[in-house]
Amino acid sequence: MTFRNRLQYLLVKRLQISNKMALSLIQSGEMMVNGVVVNENIIIEMEDEVIYNHSIIKEGKKMIYLAFYKARGIETTLNTDIPDNLKALLPFEDIFPVGRLDKESEGLLLLTNDGRLFDKTLRKEHQTEKEYLVTVDKVIDEEFIDRMSGGIKIMGKTTLPCQVEKISDFTFKIILVQGLNRQIRRMCYQLHYEVLELIRIRIGNVTLGDLRPNEYRMLDRSYEL
């Protein structure tokens, strides 16, 4: 869940005071946000600590951003009732995955406790690139590359044009800006190819890098999808 309020609103709610009194506190010179004195009605984020007259009004929440290598066979869920869930693999309580990766696929998955990242990803649904390395069961020819890149009809709709590059006889890279359910597998199936291995190697500007299955690395807030 996101948190983003004006300081005055926060004081009204937390201290049960009037708007006029909240504004007076802000202008008193004794209000500090993250250790800095403020005297204007600024926006307060989840990670911000707010103190008035040496008393904590709001504790700062530590933001967590993870790049995680989801191994094949792991479900993209935190539900501990489902076998092979993410919860057992990560030493963090209050995080959730941004997007999904099906059980038989592997590679990059982003996790965070920052609801703003989830909201931002939804707003950029058809803008954020996702890159995959895919191995199939038959030799890849030019017709396959042309048809995959031009769009394939699956689930009653034609996929958006995308970038496809042949890497070897059986392996190709594909960059999507869509996220249809099992999209790459369904596209390949329509062309009579079976996906043997599917690895997501990039989401926006975040790459899988040298992570190995079930490993993670911390990201800072400066990265952009």
C-alpha atoms as a PDB file:
ATOM      1  CA  MET A   1       0.000   0.000   0.000  1.00  0.00           C
ATOM      2  CA  THR A   2       1.294   3.445  -0.829  1.00  0.00           C
ATOM      3  CA  PHE A   3       1.741   6.244   1.702  1.00  0.00           C
ATOM      4  CA  ARG A   4       2.004   9.843   0.561  1.00  0.00           C
ATOM      5  CA  ASN A   5       0.505  12.657   2.640  1.00  0.00           C
ATOM      6  CA  ARG A   6       1.056  16.320   3.271  1.00  0.00           C
ATOM      7  CA  LEU A   7       2.729  16.984   6.630  1.00  0.00           C
ATOM      8  CA  GLN A   8      -0.268  18.985   7.863  1.00  0.00           C
ATOM      9  CA  TYR A   9      -2.647  16.092   7.123  1.00  0.00           C
ATOM     10  CA  LEU A  10      -0.311  13.658   8.882  1.00  0.00           C
ATOM     11  CA  LEU A  11      -0.249  15.793  12.031  1.00  0.00           C
ATOM     12  CA  VAL A  12      -4.035  16.176  12.054  1.00  0.00           C
ATOM     13  CA  LYS A  13      -4.497  12.415  11.868  1.00  0.00           C
ATOM     14  CA  ARG A  14      -1.696  11.335  14.209  1.00  0.00           C
ATOM     15  CA  LEU A  15      -2.173  14.003  16.887  1.00  0.00           C
ATOM     16  CA  GLN A  16      -5.940  14.461  16.540  1.00  0.00           C
ATOM     17  CA  ILE A  17      -5.607  18.232  16.234  1.00  0.00           C
ATOM     18  CA  SER A  18      -7.150  20.873  13.987  1.00  0.00           C
ATOM     19  CA  ASN A  19      -5.734  21.963  10.642  1.00  0.00           C
ATOM     20  CA  LYS A  20      -4.954  25.371  12.121  1.00  0.00           C
ATOM     21  CA  MET A  21      -3.021  23.877  15.014  1.00  0.00           C
ATOM     22  CA  ALA A  22      -1.149  21.510  12.666  1.00  0.00           C
ATOM     23  CA  LEU A  23      -0.095  24.434  10.515  1.00  0.00           C
ATOM     24  CA  SER A  24       1.063  26.278  13.634  1.00  0.00           C
ATOM     25  CA  LEU A  25       3.244  23.315  14.650  1.00  0.00           C
ATOM     26  CA  ILE A  26       4.813  23.243  11.185  1.00  0.00           C
ATOM     27  CA  GLN A  27       5.669  26.934  11.428  1.00  0.00           C
ATOM     28  CA  SER A  28       7.056  26.623  14.961  1.00  0.00           C
ATOM     29  CA  GLY A  29      10.571  25.667  13.861  1.00  0.00           C
ATOM     30  CA  GLU A  30      10.480  22.504  16.003  1.00  0.00           C
ATOM     31  CA  MET A  31       9.296  20.126  13.267  1.00  0.00           C
ATOM     32  CA  MET A  32      11.985  17.858  11.804  1.00  0.00           C
ATOM     33  CA  VAL A  33      11.784  15.486   8.848  1.00  0.00           C
ATOM     34  CA  ASN A  34      14.707  13.082   8.558  1.00  0.00           C
ATOM     35  CA  GLY A  35      16.701  15.240  10.945  1.00  0.00           C
ATOM     36  CA  VAL A  36      16.144  18.484   9.037  1.00  0.00           C
ATOM     37  CA  VAL A  37      14.003  21.338  10.369  1.00  0.00           C
ATOM     38  CA  VAL A  38      11.035  22.101   8.084  1.00  0.00           C
ATOM     39  CA  ASN A  39       8.520  24.926   8.311  1.00  0.00           C
ATOM     40  CA  GLU A  40       6.350  24.274   5.267  1.00  0.00           C
ATOM     41  CA  ASN A  41       3.645  21.773   4.379  1.00  0.00           C
ATOM     42  CA  ILE A  42       5.812  19.294   2.465  1.00  0.00           C
ATOM     43  CA  ILE A  43       4.836  15.854   1.193  1.00  0.00           C
ATOM     44  CA  ILE A  44       5.749  13.011   3.538  1.00  0.00           C
ATOM     45  CA  GLU A  45       6.737   9.642   2.073  1.00  0.00           C
ATOM     46  CA  MET A  46       6.734   6.200   3.717  1.00  0.00           C
ATOM     47  CA  GLU A  47      10.463   6.297   4.444  1.00  0.00           C
ATOM     48  CA  ASP A  48      10.369   9.723   6.137  1.00  0.00           C
ATOM     49  CA  GLU A  49      10.789  10.118   9.911  1.00  0.00           C
ATOM     50  CA  VAL A  50       8.826  12.996  11.432  1.00  0.00           C
ATOM     51  CA  ILE A  51       9.734  14.448  14.865  1.00  0.00           C
ATOM     52  CA  TYR A  52       8.177  17.337  16.772  1.00  0.00           C
ATOM     53  CA  ASN A  53       9.756  18.715  19.926  1.00  0.00           C
ATOM     54  CA  HIS A  54      11.920  15.561  20.281  1.00  0.00           C
ATOM     55  CA  SER A  55       8.875  13.233  20.035  1.00  0.00           C
ATOM     56  CA  ILE A  56       8.518  10.852  17.092  1.00  0.00           C
ATOM     57  CA  ILE A  57       5.292  11.506  15.185  1.00  0.00           C
ATOM     58  CA  LYS A  58       6.034   9.018  12.430  1.00  0.00           C
ATOM     59  CA  GLU A  59       8.823   6.468  12.182  1.00  0.00           C
ATOM     60  CA  GLY A  60      10.615   6.124   8.882  1.00  0.00           C
ATOM     61  CA  LYS A  61      10.047   2.878   7.020  1.00  0.00           C
ATOM     62  CA  LYS A  62      13.114   1.292   5.429  1.00  0.00           C
ATOM     63  CA  MET A  63      12.470   0.802   1.722  1.00  0.00           C
ATOM     64  CA  ILE A  64      13.606  -2.519   0.274  1.00  0.00           C
ATOM     65  CA  TYR A  65      14.229  -3.154  -3.413  1.00  0.00           C
ATOM     66  CA  LEU A  66      15.460  -6.576  -4.539  1.00  0.00           C
ATOM     67  CA  ALA A  67      16.596  -8.102  -7.804  1.00  0.00           C
ATOM     68  CA  PHE A  68      15.959 -11.827  -7.316  1.00  0.00           C
ATOM     69  CA  TYR A  69      16.775 -14.825  -9.512  1.00  0.00           C
ATOM     70  CA  LYS A  70      13.627 -16.938  -9.354  1.00  0.00           C
ATOM     71  CA  ALA A  71      14.593 -20.522 -10.019  1.00  0.00           C
ATOM     72  CA  ARG A  72      12.551 -22.810 -12.234  1.00  0.00           C
ATOM     73  CA  GLY A  73       9.893 -24.591 -10.190  1.00  0.00           C
ATOM     74  CA  ILE A  74       9.356 -21.712  -7.738  1.00  0.00           C
ATOM     75  CA  GLU A  75       5.902 -20.127  -7.620  1.00  0.00           C
ATOM     76  CA  THR A  76       5.682 -16.314  -7.729  1.00  0.00           C
ATOM     77  CA  THR A  77       3.672 -16.129  -4.521  1.00  0.00           C
ATOM     78  CA  LEU A  78       4.180 -15.338  -0.838  1.00  0.00           C
ATOM     79  CA  ASN A  79       1.387 -17.706   0.166  1.00  0.00           C
ATOM     80  CA  THR A  80       3.048 -20.257   2.424  1.00  0.00           C
ATOM     81  CA  ASP A  81       0.200 -22.708   1.830  1.00  0.00           C
ATOM     82  CA  ILE A  82       1.469 -23.136  -1.740  1.00  0.00           C
ATOM     83  CA  PRO A  83       4.538 -25.383  -2.078  1.00  0.00           C
ATOM     84  CA  ASP A  84       7.760 -23.846  -3.434  1.00  0.00           C
ATOM     85  CA  ASN A  85       6.722 -20.272  -2.605  1.00  0.00           C
ATOM     86  CA  LEU A  86       8.988 -17.213  -2.469  1.00  0.00           C
ATOM     87  CA  LYS A  87       8.502 -16.616   1.248  1.00  0.00           C
ATOM     88  CA  ALA A  88      10.789 -19.447   2.291  1.00  0.00           C
ATOM     89  CA  LEU A  89      13.641 -18.161   0.127  1.00  0.00           C
ATOM     90  CA  LEU A  90      13.857 -14.528   1.243  1.00  0.00           C
ATOM     91  CA  PRO A  91      14.768 -13.155   4.713  1.00  0.00           C
ATOM     92  CA  PHE A  92      12.315 -10.255   4.510  1.00  0.00           C
ATOM     93  CA  GLU A  93       8.810 -10.038   5.911  1.00  0.00           C
ATOM     94  CA  ASP A  94       7.113  -7.077   4.302  1.00  0.00           C
ATOM     95  CA  ILE A  95       7.879  -7.424   0.591  1.00  0.00           C
ATOM     96  CA  PHE A  96       5.929  -8.452  -2.492  1.00  0.00           C
ATOM     97  CA  PRO A  97       6.784  -9.267  -6.113  1.00  0.00           C
ATOM     98  CA  VAL A  98       6.315  -6.620  -8.801  1.00  0.00           C
ATOM     99  CA  GLY A  99       4.851  -8.639 -11.658  1.00  0.00           C
ATOM    100  CA  ARG A 100       5.017 -12.379 -12.135  1.00  0.00           C
ATOM    101  CA  LEU A 101       7.103 -15.132 -13.696  1.00  0.00           C
ATOM    102  CA  ASP A 102       5.429 -18.484 -14.314  1.00  0.00           C
ATOM    103  CA  LYS A 103       6.541 -21.575 -12.428  1.00  0.00           C
ATOM    104  CA  GLU A 104       8.406 -23.194 -15.318  1.00  0.00           C
ATOM    105  CA  SER A 105      10.274 -19.988 -16.184  1.00  0.00           C
ATOM    106  CA  GLU A 106      13.245 -18.528 -14.344  1.00  0.00           C
ATOM    107  CA  GLY A 107      15.235 -15.355 -14.052  1.00  0.00           C
ATOM    108  CA  LEU A 108      14.793 -11.786 -12.874  1.00  0.00           C
ATOM    109  CA  LEU A 109      12.010 -10.900 -10.478  1.00  0.00           C
ATOM    110  CA  LEU A 110      11.717  -7.580  -8.641  1.00  0.00           C
ATOM    111  CA  LEU A 111      10.475  -7.479  -5.049  1.00  0.00           C
ATOM    112  CA  THR A 112       9.844  -4.513  -2.789  1.00  0.00           C
ATOM    113  CA  ASN A 113       7.837  -3.153   0.137  1.00  0.00           C
ATOM    114  CA  ASP A 114       7.237   0.081  -1.785  1.00  0.00           C
ATOM    115  CA  GLY A 115       3.721   0.194  -3.232  1.00  0.00           C
ATOM    116  CA  ARG A 116       4.706   3.169  -5.383  1.00  0.00           C
ATOM    117  CA  LEU A 117       6.886   0.912  -7.546  1.00  0.00           C
ATOM    118  CA  PHE A 118       3.931  -1.408  -8.156  1.00  0.00           C
ATOM    119  CA  ASP A 119       1.682   1.532  -9.079  1.00  0.00           C
ATOM    120  CA  LYS A 120       4.337   2.948 -11.381  1.00  0.00           C
ATOM    121  CA  THR A 121       4.813  -0.410 -13.112  1.00  0.00           C
ATOM    122  CA  LEU A 122       1.075  -0.709 -13.744  1.00  0.00           C
ATOM    123  CA  ARG A 123       0.979   2.803 -15.236  1.00  0.00           C
ATOM    124  CA  LYS A 124       3.882   1.886 -17.534  1.00  0.00           C
ATOM    125  CA  GLU A 125       2.433  -1.513 -18.460  1.00  0.00           C
ATOM    126  CA  HIS A 126       3.150  -1.072 -22.179  1.00  0.00           C
ATOM    127  CA  GLN A 127       6.402   0.880 -21.793  1.00  0.00           C
ATOM    128  CA  THR A 128       8.688  -1.185 -19.572  1.00  0.00           C
ATOM    129  CA  GLU A 129      10.835  -3.571 -21.599  1.00  0.00           C
ATOM    130  CA  LYS A 130      11.304  -7.142 -20.416  1.00  0.00           C
ATOM    131  CA  GLU A 131      14.039  -9.185 -22.077  1.00  0.00           C
ATOM    132  CA  TYR A 132      14.169 -12.981 -22.204  1.00  0.00           C
ATOM    133  CA  LEU A 133      16.585 -15.660 -23.371  1.00  0.00           C
ATOM    134  CA  VAL A 134      14.595 -18.571 -24.797  1.00  0.00           C
ATOM    135  CA  THR A 135      15.623 -22.065 -25.896  1.00  0.00           C
ATOM    136  CA  VAL A 136      13.257 -24.088 -28.106  1.00  0.00           C
ATOM    137  CA  ASP A 137      13.068 -27.657 -29.388  1.00  0.00           C
ATOM    138  CA  LYS A 138      13.595 -27.012 -33.125  1.00  0.00           C
ATOM    139  CA  VAL A 139      15.987 -25.070 -35.318  1.00  0.00           C
ATOM    140  CA  ILE A 140      15.029 -21.396 -35.516  1.00  0.00           C
ATOM    141  CA  ASP A 141      14.543 -20.085 -39.056  1.00  0.00           C
ATOM    142  CA  GLU A 142      13.896 -16.638 -40.523  1.00  0.00           C
ATOM    143  CA  GLU A 143      10.165 -17.233 -40.765  1.00  0.00           C
ATOM    144  CA  PHE A 144      10.048 -17.905 -37.034  1.00  0.00           C
ATOM    145  CA  ILE A 145      11.926 -14.662 -36.271  1.00  0.00           C
ATOM    146  CA  ASP A 146       9.736 -12.619 -38.636  1.00  0.00           C
ATOM    147  CA  ARG A 147       6.460 -13.964 -37.299  1.00  0.00           C
ATOM    148  CA  MET A 148       7.447 -13.704 -33.647  1.00  0.00           C
ATOM    149  CA  SER A 149       8.571 -10.107 -34.070  1.00  0.00           C
ATOM    150  CA  GLY A 150       5.520  -9.104 -36.127  1.00  0.00           C
ATOM    151  CA  GLY A 151       2.904 -10.350 -33.686  1.00  0.00           C
ATOM    152  CA  ILE A 152       1.153 -13.667 -33.030  1.00  0.00           C
ATOM    153  CA  LYS A 153      -2.526 -14.182 -32.292  1.00  0.00           C
ATOM    154  CA  ILE A 154      -2.963 -15.758 -28.849  1.00  0.00           C
ATOM    155  CA  MET A 155      -5.939 -15.791 -26.508  1.00  0.00           C
ATOM    156  CA  GLY A 156      -8.029 -13.886 -29.040  1.00  0.00           C
ATOM    157  CA  LYS A 157      -5.628 -10.962 -29.520  1.00  0.00           C
ATOM    158  CA  THR A 158      -2.518 -10.241 -31.565  1.00  0.00           C
ATOM    159  CA  THR A 159       0.624  -9.558 -29.579  1.00  0.00           C
ATOM    160  CA  LEU A 160       2.390  -6.236 -30.057  1.00  0.00           C
ATOM    161  CA  PRO A 161       5.385  -6.098 -32.417  1.00  0.00           C
ATOM    162  CA  CYS A 162       8.605  -6.884 -30.540  1.00  0.00           C
ATOM    163  CA  GLN A 163      12.342  -7.292 -30.962  1.00  0.00           C
ATOM    164  CA  VAL A 164      13.552 -10.845 -31.633  1.00  0.00           C
ATOM    165  CA  GLU A 165      17.178 -11.828 -32.201  1.00  0.00           C
ATOM    166  CA  LYS A 166      18.507 -15.286 -33.093  1.00  0.00           C
ATOM    167  CA  ILE A 167      21.401 -16.278 -30.807  1.00  0.00           C
ATOM    168  CA  SER A 168      21.976 -19.852 -31.998  1.00  0.00           C
ATOM    169  CA  ASP A 169      20.088 -22.578 -33.857  1.00  0.00           C
ATOM    170  CA  PHE A 170      17.876 -23.220 -30.822  1.00  0.00           C
ATOM    171  CA  THR A 171      18.109 -20.003 -28.801  1.00  0.00           C
ATOM    172  CA  PHE A 172      16.763 -16.476 -29.292  1.00  0.00           C
ATOM    173  CA  LYS A 173      16.346 -13.245 -27.355  1.00  0.00           C
ATOM    174  CA  ILE A 174      13.026 -11.457 -27.229  1.00  0.00           C
ATOM    175  CA  ILE A 175      12.117  -8.045 -25.773  1.00  0.00           C
ATOM    176  CA  LEU A 176       8.474  -7.518 -24.817  1.00  0.00           C
ATOM    177  CA  VAL A 177       6.512  -4.549 -23.531  1.00  0.00           C
ATOM    178  CA  GLN A 178       3.470  -6.738 -22.839  1.00  0.00           C
ATOM    179  CA  GLY A 179       2.875  -9.170 -20.041  1.00  0.00           C
ATOM    180  CA  LEU A 180       0.212 -11.566 -21.280  1.00  0.00           C
ATOM    181  CA  ASN A 181      -0.121 -14.848 -19.422  1.00  0.00           C
ATOM    182  CA  ARG A 182       2.598 -17.264 -20.621  1.00  0.00           C
ATOM    183  CA  GLN A 183       2.961 -15.027 -23.666  1.00  0.00           C
ATOM    184  CA  ILE A 184       6.245 -16.332 -25.094  1.00  0.00           C
ATOM    185  CA  ARG A 185       5.272 -19.972 -24.618  1.00  0.00           C
ATOM    186  CA  ARG A 186       1.921 -19.386 -26.326  1.00  0.00           C
ATOM    187  CA  MET A 187       3.563 -17.477 -29.204  1.00  0.00           C
ATOM    188  CA  CYS A 188       6.040 -20.292 -29.792  1.00  0.00           C
ATOM    189  CA  TYR A 189       3.289 -22.904 -29.574  1.00  0.00           C
ATOM    190  CA  GLN A 190       1.358 -21.167 -32.367  1.00  0.00           C
ATOM    191  CA  LEU A 191       4.437 -21.622 -34.574  1.00  0.00           C
ATOM    192  CA  HIS A 192       4.782 -25.290 -33.538  1.00  0.00           C
ATOM    193  CA  TYR A 193       7.795 -24.745 -31.291  1.00  0.00           C
ATOM    194  CA  GLU A 194       8.081 -25.861 -27.679  1.00  0.00           C
ATOM    195  CA  VAL A 195       9.929 -23.759 -25.110  1.00  0.00           C
ATOM    196  CA  LEU A 196      12.527 -25.823 -23.279  1.00  0.00           C
ATOM    197  CA  GLU A 197      14.047 -23.018 -21.213  1.00  0.00           C
ATOM    198  CA  LEU A 198      12.954 -19.436 -20.594  1.00  0.00           C
ATOM    199  CA  ILE A 199      15.078 -16.988 -18.591  1.00  0.00           C
ATOM    200  CA  ARG A 200      14.154 -13.355 -17.973  1.00  0.00           C
ATOM    201  CA  ILE A 201      17.388 -11.374 -18.033  1.00  0.00           C
ATOM    202  CA  ARG A 202      16.197  -7.765 -17.824  1.00  0.00           C
ATOM    203  CA  ILE A 203      13.298  -5.582 -16.632  1.00  0.00           C
ATOM    204  CA  GLY A 204      13.713  -1.981 -17.761  1.00  0.00           C
ATOM    205  CA  ASN A 205      17.207  -0.939 -16.673  1.00  0.00           C
ATOM    206  CA  VAL A 206      17.589  -3.728 -14.102  1.00  0.00           C
ATOM    207  CA  THR A 207      19.513  -6.776 -15.326  1.00  0.00           C
ATOM    208  CA  LEU A 208      19.901 -10.267 -13.933  1.00  0.00           C
ATOM    209  CA  GLY A 209      23.673  -9.774 -13.903  1.00  0.00           C
ATOM    210  CA  ASP A 210      25.674 -12.541 -12.262  1.00  0.00           C
ATOM    211  CA  LEU A 211      22.916 -13.710  -9.924  1.00  0.00           C
ATOM    212  CA  ARG A 212      22.458 -17.444  -9.638  1.00  0.00           C
ATOM    213  CA  PRO A 213      19.124 -19.228  -8.945  1.00  0.00           C
ATOM    214  CA  ASN A 214      17.576 -18.156  -5.610  1.00  0.00           C
ATOM    215  CA  GLU A 215      20.163 -15.414  -5.059  1.00  0.00           C
ATOM    216  CA  TYR A 216      19.270 -11.729  -4.712  1.00  0.00           C
ATOM    217  CA  ARG A 217      20.959  -8.349  -4.624  1.00  0.00           C
ATOM    218  CA  MET A 218      19.767  -5.108  -3.100  1.00  0.00           C
ATOM    219  CA  LEU A 219      18.861  -2.204  -5.374  1.00  0.00           C
ATOM    220  CA  ASP A 220      18.762   1.430  -4.412  1.00  0.00           C
ATOM    221  CA  ARG A 221      15.860   3.752  -5.109  1.00  0.00           C
ATOM    222  CA  SER A 222      17.736   5.523  -7.905  1.00  0.00           C
ATOM    223  CA  TYR A 223      17.053   2.827 -10.480  1.00  0.00           C
ATOM    224  CA  GLU A 224      14.303   3.377 -13.020  1.00  0.00           C
ATOM    225  CA  LEU A 225      12.291   0.763 -14.859  1.00  0.00           C
END
